[in-house]
Amino acid sequence: LGARFAGKAMEPFIVTVEPSLKDVHLNSHPGQEFNYVLSGSLMLTVGENTLVLTPGDSIYFDASTPHGMRADGNEPATFLAVITA
């Protein structure tokens, strides 16, 4: 979403994840991350904590903590993700 902004300190994305019966794949990266759920239900694991977020819910966390997400239920989940460098 911010590809043309020079010198940016954040990367904004609209992300859609599909439902899956598989385990959540955890990843980590430098910086901080903010997620705001737009539609669907999002199962999010950050470190040892697992949450289910629904439209209007948000979370802000240290992105170096292992984290991963998937849609919860049978419908895709869409969220705004903003990641700092």
PDB file of N, CA and C in Angstrom:
ATOM      1  N   LEU A   1       0.808  -1.208   0.000  1.00  0.00           N
ATOM      2  CA  LEU A   1       0.000   0.000   0.000  1.00  0.00           C
ATOM      3  C   LEU A   1       0.846   1.265   0.000  1.00  0.00           C
ATOM      4  N   GLY A   2       2.074   1.201   0.505  1.00  0.00           N
ATOM      5  CA  GLY A   2       2.915   2.392   0.596  1.00  0.00           C
ATOM      6  C   GLY A   2       4.137   2.320  -0.286  1.00  0.00           C
ATOM      7  N   ALA A   3       4.063   1.582  -1.383  1.00  0.00           N
ATOM      8  CA  ALA A   3       5.241   1.315  -2.218  1.00  0.00           C
ATOM      9  C   ALA A   3       5.913   2.570  -2.754  1.00  0.00           C
ATOM     10  N   ARG A   4       5.181   3.623  -3.004  1.00  0.00           N
ATOM     11  CA  ARG A   4       5.763   4.817  -3.639  1.00  0.00           C
ATOM     12  C   ARG A   4       6.252   5.858  -2.645  1.00  0.00           C
ATOM     13  N   PHE A   5       6.121   5.598  -1.357  1.00  0.00           N
ATOM     14  CA  PHE A   5       6.543   6.574  -0.344  1.00  0.00           C
ATOM     15  C   PHE A   5       8.030   6.405  -0.074  1.00  0.00           C
ATOM     16  N   ALA A   6       8.806   7.450  -0.312  1.00  0.00           N
ATOM     17  CA  ALA A   6      10.257   7.391  -0.116  1.00  0.00           C
ATOM     18  C   ALA A   6      10.605   7.545   1.362  1.00  0.00           C
ATOM     19  N   GLY A   7      11.562   6.768   1.830  1.00  0.00           N
ATOM     20  CA  GLY A   7      12.039   6.898   3.198  1.00  0.00           C
ATOM     21  C   GLY A   7      11.080   6.371   4.249  1.00  0.00           C
ATOM     22  N   LYS A   8      10.205   5.467   3.871  1.00  0.00           N
ATOM     23  CA  LYS A   8       9.187   4.990   4.811  1.00  0.00           C
ATOM     24  C   LYS A   8       9.796   4.157   5.943  1.00  0.00           C
ATOM     25  N   ALA A   9       9.151   4.230   7.096  1.00  0.00           N
ATOM     26  CA  ALA A   9       9.554   3.450   8.265  1.00  0.00           C
ATOM     27  C   ALA A   9       8.567   2.318   8.524  1.00  0.00           C
ATOM     28  N   MET A  10       7.481   2.258   7.735  1.00  0.00           N
ATOM     29  CA  MET A  10       6.450   1.238   7.901  1.00  0.00           C
ATOM     30  C   MET A  10       6.094   0.654   6.545  1.00  0.00           C
ATOM     31  N   GLU A  11       5.624  -0.589   6.563  1.00  0.00           N
ATOM     32  CA  GLU A  11       5.102  -1.250   5.362  1.00  0.00           C
ATOM     33  C   GLU A  11       3.656  -1.640   5.641  1.00  0.00           C
ATOM     34  N   PRO A  12       2.686  -0.997   4.994  1.00  0.00           N
ATOM     35  CA  PRO A  12       1.290  -1.384   5.182  1.00  0.00           C
ATOM     36  C   PRO A  12       0.865  -2.407   4.118  1.00  0.00           C
ATOM     37  N   PHE A  13       0.078  -3.393   4.526  1.00  0.00           N
ATOM     38  CA  PHE A  13      -0.413  -4.440   3.637  1.00  0.00           C
ATOM     39  C   PHE A  13      -1.876  -4.735   3.957  1.00  0.00           C
ATOM     40  N   ILE A  14      -2.626  -5.123   2.933  1.00  0.00           N
ATOM     41  CA  ILE A  14      -3.924  -5.769   3.146  1.00  0.00           C
ATOM     42  C   ILE A  14      -3.666  -7.246   2.873  1.00  0.00           C
ATOM     43  N   VAL A  15      -3.969  -8.091   3.858  1.00  0.00           N
ATOM     44  CA  VAL A  15      -3.663  -9.516   3.780  1.00  0.00           C
ATOM     45  C   VAL A  15      -4.959 -10.311   3.895  1.00  0.00           C
ATOM     46  N   THR A  16      -5.117 -11.315   3.038  1.00  0.00           N
ATOM     47  CA  THR A  16      -6.223 -12.255   3.151  1.00  0.00           C
ATOM     48  C   THR A  16      -5.643 -13.640   3.361  1.00  0.00           C
ATOM     49  N   VAL A  17      -6.098 -14.310   4.412  1.00  0.00           N
ATOM     50  CA  VAL A  17      -5.660 -15.678   4.685  1.00  0.00           C
ATOM     51  C   VAL A  17      -6.856 -16.610   4.575  1.00  0.00           C
ATOM     52  N   GLU A  18      -6.604 -17.766   4.026  1.00  0.00           N
ATOM     53  CA  GLU A  18      -7.640 -18.759   3.814  1.00  0.00           C
ATOM     54  C   GLU A  18      -7.721 -19.690   5.015  1.00  0.00           C
ATOM     55  N   PRO A  19      -8.893 -20.307   5.226  1.00  0.00           N
ATOM     56  CA  PRO A  19      -9.013 -21.295   6.294  1.00  0.00           C
ATOM     57  C   PRO A  19      -8.091 -22.483   5.997  1.00  0.00           C
ATOM     58  N   SER A  20      -7.582 -23.106   7.035  1.00  0.00           N
ATOM     59  CA  SER A  20      -6.683 -24.235   6.877  1.00  0.00           C
ATOM     60  C   SER A  20      -6.814 -25.159   8.069  1.00  0.00           C
ATOM     61  N   LEU A  21      -6.696 -26.432   7.822  1.00  0.00           N
ATOM     62  CA  LEU A  21      -6.712 -27.399   8.911  1.00  0.00           C
ATOM     63  C   LEU A  21      -5.292 -27.645   9.431  1.00  0.00           C
ATOM     64  N   LYS A  22      -4.308 -27.080   8.743  1.00  0.00           N
ATOM     65  CA  LYS A  22      -2.914 -27.268   9.120  1.00  0.00           C
ATOM     66  C   LYS A  22      -2.562 -26.385  10.315  1.00  0.00           C
ATOM     67  N   ASP A  23      -1.477 -26.757  10.982  1.00  0.00           N
ATOM     68  CA  ASP A  23      -0.967 -25.938  12.080  1.00  0.00           C
ATOM     69  C   ASP A  23      -0.520 -24.579  11.560  1.00  0.00           C
ATOM     70  N   VAL A  24      -0.540 -23.599  12.422  1.00  0.00           N
ATOM     71  CA  VAL A  24      -0.095 -22.255  12.074  1.00  0.00           C
ATOM     72  C   VAL A  24       1.427 -22.261  11.938  1.00  0.00           C
ATOM     73  N   HIS A  25       1.940 -21.750  10.830  1.00  0.00           N
ATOM     74  CA  HIS A  25       3.380 -21.623  10.625  1.00  0.00           C
ATOM     75  C   HIS A  25       3.843 -20.338  11.299  1.00  0.00           C
ATOM     76  N   LEU A  26       4.801 -20.441  12.209  1.00  0.00           N
ATOM     77  CA  LEU A  26       5.311 -19.267  12.924  1.00  0.00           C
ATOM     78  C   LEU A  26       6.526 -18.696  12.208  1.00  0.00           C
ATOM     79  N   ASN A  27       6.609 -17.372  12.184  1.00  0.00           N
ATOM     80  CA  ASN A  27       7.781 -16.683  11.641  1.00  0.00           C
ATOM     81  C   ASN A  27       8.092 -15.505  12.546  1.00  0.00           C
ATOM     82  N   SER A  28       9.229 -14.897  12.332  1.00  0.00           N
ATOM     83  CA  SER A  28       9.600 -13.689  13.077  1.00  0.00           C
ATOM     84  C   SER A  28      10.440 -12.807  12.170  1.00  0.00           C
ATOM     85  N   HIS A  29      10.469 -11.528  12.489  1.00  0.00           N
ATOM     86  CA  HIS A  29      11.247 -10.566  11.704  1.00  0.00           C
ATOM     87  C   HIS A  29      11.493  -9.350  12.588  1.00  0.00           C
ATOM     88  N   PRO A  30      12.464  -8.522  12.233  1.00  0.00           N
ATOM     89  CA  PRO A  30      12.716  -7.325  13.035  1.00  0.00           C
ATOM     90  C   PRO A  30      11.527  -6.364  13.008  1.00  0.00           C
ATOM     91  N   GLY A  31      11.447  -5.523  14.007  1.00  0.00           N
ATOM     92  CA  GLY A  31      10.448  -4.455  14.031  1.00  0.00           C
ATOM     93  C   GLY A  31       9.236  -4.787  14.873  1.00  0.00           C
ATOM     94  N   GLN A  32       8.184  -4.024  14.616  1.00  0.00           N
ATOM     95  CA  GLN A  32       6.912  -4.173  15.312  1.00  0.00           C
ATOM     96  C   GLN A  32       5.830  -4.391  14.274  1.00  0.00           C
ATOM     97  N   GLU A  33       4.703  -4.957  14.715  1.00  0.00           N
ATOM     98  CA  GLU A  33       3.611  -5.239  13.785  1.00  0.00           C
ATOM     99  C   GLU A  33       2.281  -4.861  14.417  1.00  0.00           C
ATOM    100  N   PHE A  34       1.422  -4.275  13.602  1.00  0.00           N
ATOM    101  CA  PHE A  34       0.062  -3.919  13.993  1.00  0.00           C
ATOM    102  C   PHE A  34      -0.874  -4.598  13.007  1.00  0.00           C
ATOM    103  N   ASN A  35      -1.867  -5.319  13.503  1.00  0.00           N
ATOM    104  CA  ASN A  35      -2.876  -5.962  12.663  1.00  0.00           C
ATOM    105  C   ASN A  35      -4.261  -5.490  13.081  1.00  0.00           C
ATOM    106  N   TYR A  36      -5.102  -5.163  12.093  1.00  0.00           N
ATOM    107  CA  TYR A  36      -6.478  -4.728  12.316  1.00  0.00           C
ATOM    108  C   TYR A  36      -7.373  -5.574  11.418  1.00  0.00           C
ATOM    109  N   VAL A  37      -8.279  -6.337  12.009  1.00  0.00           N
ATOM    110  CA  VAL A  37      -9.115  -7.262  11.247  1.00  0.00           C
ATOM    111  C   VAL A  37     -10.242  -6.500  10.558  1.00  0.00           C
ATOM    112  N   LEU A  38     -10.344  -6.718   9.243  1.00  0.00           N
ATOM    113  CA  LEU A  38     -11.380  -6.075   8.426  1.00  0.00           C
ATOM    114  C   LEU A  38     -12.593  -6.984   8.224  1.00  0.00           C
ATOM    115  N   SER A  39     -12.341  -8.283   8.002  1.00  0.00           N
ATOM    116  CA  SER A  39     -13.449  -9.218   7.808  1.00  0.00           C
ATOM    117  C   SER A  39     -13.009 -10.626   8.182  1.00  0.00           C
ATOM    118  N   GLY A  40     -13.980 -11.452   8.514  1.00  0.00           N
ATOM    119  CA  GLY A  40     -13.698 -12.822   8.895  1.00  0.00           C
ATOM    120  C   GLY A  40     -13.205 -12.918  10.329  1.00  0.00           C
ATOM    121  N   SER A  41     -12.714 -14.083  10.662  1.00  0.00           N
ATOM    122  CA  SER A  41     -12.212 -14.355  12.001  1.00  0.00           C
ATOM    123  C   SER A  41     -10.777 -14.850  11.860  1.00  0.00           C
ATOM    124  N   LEU A  42      -9.855 -14.233  12.581  1.00  0.00           N
ATOM    125  CA  LEU A  42      -8.422 -14.507  12.439  1.00  0.00           C
ATOM    126  C   LEU A  42      -7.876 -15.140  13.710  1.00  0.00           C
ATOM    127  N   MET A  43      -7.314 -16.351  13.574  1.00  0.00           N
ATOM    128  CA  MET A  43      -6.622 -16.983  14.698  1.00  0.00           C
ATOM    129  C   MET A  43      -5.157 -16.570  14.599  1.00  0.00           C
ATOM    130  N   LEU A  44      -4.663 -15.938  15.657  1.00  0.00           N
ATOM    131  CA  LEU A  44      -3.315 -15.388  15.668  1.00  0.00           C
ATOM    132  C   LEU A  44      -2.555 -15.945  16.865  1.00  0.00           C
ATOM    133  N   THR A  45      -1.373 -16.468  16.609  1.00  0.00           N
ATOM    134  CA  THR A  45      -0.491 -16.925  17.675  1.00  0.00           C
ATOM    135  C   THR A  45       0.704 -15.994  17.729  1.00  0.00           C
ATOM    136  N   VAL A  46       0.979 -15.461  18.912  1.00  0.00           N
ATOM    137  CA  VAL A  46       2.154 -14.622  19.154  1.00  0.00           C
ATOM    138  C   VAL A  46       2.839 -15.214  20.384  1.00  0.00           C
ATOM    139  N   GLY A  47       4.027 -15.788  20.184  1.00  0.00           N
ATOM    140  CA  GLY A  47       4.703 -16.448  21.296  1.00  0.00           C
ATOM    141  C   GLY A  47       3.864 -17.598  21.806  1.00  0.00           C
ATOM    142  N   GLU A  48       3.585 -17.600  23.093  1.00  0.00           N
ATOM    143  CA  GLU A  48       2.807 -18.662  23.731  1.00  0.00           C
ATOM    144  C   GLU A  48       1.301 -18.379  23.742  1.00  0.00           C
ATOM    145  N   ASN A  49       0.890 -17.242  23.190  1.00  0.00           N
ATOM    146  CA  ASN A  49      -0.517 -16.815  23.258  1.00  0.00           C
ATOM    147  C   ASN A  49      -1.212 -17.004  21.917  1.00  0.00           C
ATOM    148  N   THR A  50      -2.425 -17.542  21.963  1.00  0.00           N
ATOM    149  CA  THR A  50      -3.257 -17.663  20.772  1.00  0.00           C
ATOM    150  C   THR A  50      -4.554 -16.914  21.012  1.00  0.00           C
ATOM    151  N   LEU A  51      -4.915 -16.058  20.049  1.00  0.00           N
ATOM    152  CA  LEU A  51      -6.117 -15.227  20.148  1.00  0.00           C
ATOM    153  C   LEU A  51      -6.964 -15.431  18.909  1.00  0.00           C
ATOM    154  N   VAL A  52      -8.250 -15.178  19.037  1.00  0.00           N
ATOM    155  CA  VAL A  52      -9.131 -15.120  17.875  1.00  0.00           C
ATOM    156  C   VAL A  52      -9.637 -13.688  17.796  1.00  0.00           C
ATOM    157  N   LEU A  53      -9.349 -13.049  16.664  1.00  0.00           N
ATOM    158  CA  LEU A  53      -9.734 -11.653  16.437  1.00  0.00           C
ATOM    159  C   LEU A  53     -10.839 -11.607  15.391  1.00  0.00           C
ATOM    160  N   THR A  54     -11.792 -10.707  15.580  1.00  0.00           N
ATOM    161  CA  THR A  54     -12.907 -10.532  14.656  1.00  0.00           C
ATOM    162  C   THR A  54     -12.905  -9.080  14.157  1.00  0.00           C
ATOM    163  N   PRO A  55     -13.734  -8.744  13.168  1.00  0.00           N
ATOM    164  CA  PRO A  55     -13.703  -7.403  12.601  1.00  0.00           C
ATOM    165  C   PRO A  55     -13.751  -6.308  13.671  1.00  0.00           C
ATOM    166  N   GLY A  56     -12.821  -5.369  13.542  1.00  0.00           N
ATOM    167  CA  GLY A  56     -12.694  -4.271  14.495  1.00  0.00           C
ATOM    168  C   GLY A  56     -11.657  -4.520  15.570  1.00  0.00           C
ATOM    169  N   ASP A  57     -11.227  -5.775  15.748  1.00  0.00           N
ATOM    170  CA  ASP A  57     -10.191  -6.085  16.729  1.00  0.00           C
ATOM    171  C   ASP A  57      -8.819  -5.766  16.150  1.00  0.00           C
ATOM    172  N   SER A  58      -7.877  -5.421  17.033  1.00  0.00           N
ATOM    173  CA  SER A  58      -6.516  -5.145  16.589  1.00  0.00           C
ATOM    174  C   SER A  58      -5.526  -5.662  17.616  1.00  0.00           C
ATOM    175  N   ILE A  59      -4.275  -5.775  17.176  1.00  0.00           N
ATOM    176  CA  ILE A  59      -3.192  -6.202  18.053  1.00  0.00           C
ATOM    177  C   ILE A  59      -1.906  -5.534  17.576  1.00  0.00           C
ATOM    178  N   TYR A  60      -1.045  -5.197  18.524  1.00  0.00           N
ATOM    179  CA  TYR A  60       0.248  -4.572  18.263  1.00  0.00           C
ATOM    180  C   TYR A  60       1.272  -5.392  19.027  1.00  0.00           C
ATOM    181  N   PHE A  61       2.333  -5.868  18.356  1.00  0.00           N
ATOM    182  CA  PHE A  61       3.287  -6.736  19.041  1.00  0.00           C
ATOM    183  C   PHE A  61       4.688  -6.593  18.462  1.00  0.00           C
ATOM    184  N   ASP A  62       5.652  -7.099  19.214  1.00  0.00           N
ATOM    185  CA  ASP A  62       7.051  -7.146  18.803  1.00  0.00           C
ATOM    186  C   ASP A  62       7.183  -8.269  17.773  1.00  0.00           C
ATOM    187  N   ALA A  63       7.507  -7.921  16.539  1.00  0.00           N
ATOM    188  CA  ALA A  63       7.527  -8.893  15.451  1.00  0.00           C
ATOM    189  C   ALA A  63       8.682  -9.878  15.542  1.00  0.00           C
ATOM    190  N   SER A  64       9.644  -9.655  16.456  1.00  0.00           N
ATOM    191  CA  SER A  64      10.708 -10.637  16.641  1.00  0.00           C
ATOM    192  C   SER A  64      10.213 -11.839  17.446  1.00  0.00           C
ATOM    193  N   THR A  65       9.039 -11.721  18.064  1.00  0.00           N
ATOM    194  CA  THR A  65       8.397 -12.854  18.738  1.00  0.00           C
ATOM    195  C   THR A  65       7.779 -13.742  17.663  1.00  0.00           C
ATOM    196  N   PRO A  66       8.043 -15.053  17.690  1.00  0.00           N
ATOM    197  CA  PRO A  66       7.441 -15.930  16.678  1.00  0.00           C
ATOM    198  C   PRO A  66       5.923 -15.758  16.642  1.00  0.00           C
ATOM    199  N   HIS A  67       5.387 -15.594  15.428  1.00  0.00           N
ATOM    200  CA  HIS A  67       3.958 -15.357  15.264  1.00  0.00           C
ATOM    201  C   HIS A  67       3.466 -15.937  13.944  1.00  0.00           C
ATOM    202  N   GLY A  68       2.176 -16.212  13.899  1.00  0.00           N
ATOM    203  CA  GLY A  68       1.559 -16.730  12.685  1.00  0.00           C
ATOM    204  C   GLY A  68       0.057 -16.639  12.799  1.00  0.00           C
ATOM    205  N   MET A  69      -0.624 -16.764  11.671  1.00  0.00           N
ATOM    206  CA  MET A  69      -2.071 -16.624  11.667  1.00  0.00           C
ATOM    207  C   MET A  69      -2.702 -17.474  10.583  1.00  0.00           C
ATOM    208  N   ARG A  70      -3.981 -17.700  10.772  1.00  0.00           N
ATOM    209  CA  ARG A  70      -4.809 -18.357   9.763  1.00  0.00           C
ATOM    210  C   ARG A  70      -6.253 -17.935   9.997  1.00  0.00           C
ATOM    211  N   ALA A  71      -7.073 -18.116   8.989  1.00  0.00           N
ATOM    212  CA  ALA A  71      -8.498 -17.840   9.166  1.00  0.00           C
ATOM    213  C   ALA A  71      -9.070 -18.864  10.130  1.00  0.00           C
ATOM    214  N   ASP A  72      -9.955 -18.419  10.989  1.00  0.00           N
ATOM    215  CA  ASP A  72     -10.622 -19.298  11.943  1.00  0.00           C
ATOM    216  C   ASP A  72     -12.031 -19.538  11.420  1.00  0.00           C
ATOM    217  N   GLY A  73     -12.394 -20.762  11.211  1.00  0.00           N
ATOM    218  CA  GLY A  73     -13.702 -21.077  10.646  1.00  0.00           C
ATOM    219  C   GLY A  73     -13.571 -21.439   9.179  1.00  0.00           C
ATOM    220  N   ASN A  74     -14.660 -21.263   8.419  1.00  0.00           N
ATOM    221  CA  ASN A  74     -14.707 -21.703   7.024  1.00  0.00           C
ATOM    222  C   ASN A  74     -14.546 -20.579   6.007  1.00  0.00           C
ATOM    223  N   GLU A  75     -14.421 -19.350   6.470  1.00  0.00           N
ATOM    224  CA  GLU A  75     -14.338 -18.200   5.569  1.00  0.00           C
ATOM    225  C   GLU A  75     -12.947 -17.571   5.648  1.00  0.00           C
ATOM    226  N   PRO A  76     -12.484 -16.921   4.569  1.00  0.00           N
ATOM    227  CA  PRO A  76     -11.213 -16.200   4.619  1.00  0.00           C
ATOM    228  C   PRO A  76     -11.281 -15.057   5.632  1.00  0.00           C
ATOM    229  N   ALA A  77     -10.137 -14.638   6.115  1.00  0.00           N
ATOM    230  CA  ALA A  77     -10.025 -13.472   7.002  1.00  0.00           C
ATOM    231  C   ALA A  77      -9.141 -12.440   6.312  1.00  0.00           C
ATOM    232  N   THR A  78      -9.559 -11.182   6.362  1.00  0.00           N
ATOM    233  CA  THR A  78      -8.791 -10.093   5.755  1.00  0.00           C
ATOM    234  C   THR A  78      -8.439  -9.091   6.843  1.00  0.00           C
ATOM    235  N   PHE A  79      -7.158  -8.648   6.827  1.00  0.00           N
ATOM    236  CA  PHE A  79      -6.722  -7.692   7.844  1.00  0.00           C
ATOM    237  C   PHE A  79      -5.700  -6.725   7.266  1.00  0.00           C
ATOM    238  N   LEU A  80      -5.619  -5.577   7.900  1.00  0.00           N
ATOM    239  CA  LEU A  80      -4.597  -4.581   7.602  1.00  0.00           C
ATOM    240  C   LEU A  80      -3.406  -4.902   8.482  1.00  0.00           C
ATOM    241  N   ALA A  81      -2.244  -5.061   7.887  1.00  0.00           N
ATOM    242  CA  ALA A  81      -1.006  -5.294   8.638  1.00  0.00           C
ATOM    243  C   ALA A  81      -0.070  -4.118   8.376  1.00  0.00           C
ATOM    244  N   VAL A  82       0.478  -3.541   9.434  1.00  0.00           N
ATOM    245  CA  VAL A  82       1.466  -2.482   9.312  1.00  0.00           C
ATOM    246  C   VAL A  82       2.704  -2.946  10.060  1.00  0.00           C
ATOM    247  N   ILE A  83       3.835  -3.025   9.343  1.00  0.00           N
ATOM    248  CA  ILE A  83       5.069  -3.548   9.897  1.00  0.00           C
ATOM    249  C   ILE A  83       6.132  -2.471   9.826  1.00  0.00           C
ATOM    250  N   THR A  84       6.849  -2.263  10.945  1.00  0.00           N
ATOM    251  CA  THR A  84       7.944  -1.288  10.954  1.00  0.00           C
ATOM    252  C   THR A  84       9.234  -1.978  10.537  1.00  0.00           C
ATOM    253  N   ALA A  85      10.128  -1.183  10.049  1.00  0.00           N
ATOM    254  CA  ALA A  85      11.418  -1.715   9.602  1.00  0.00           C
ATOM    255  C   ALA A  85      12.356  -1.906  10.756  1.00  0.00           C
TER     256      ALA A  85
END
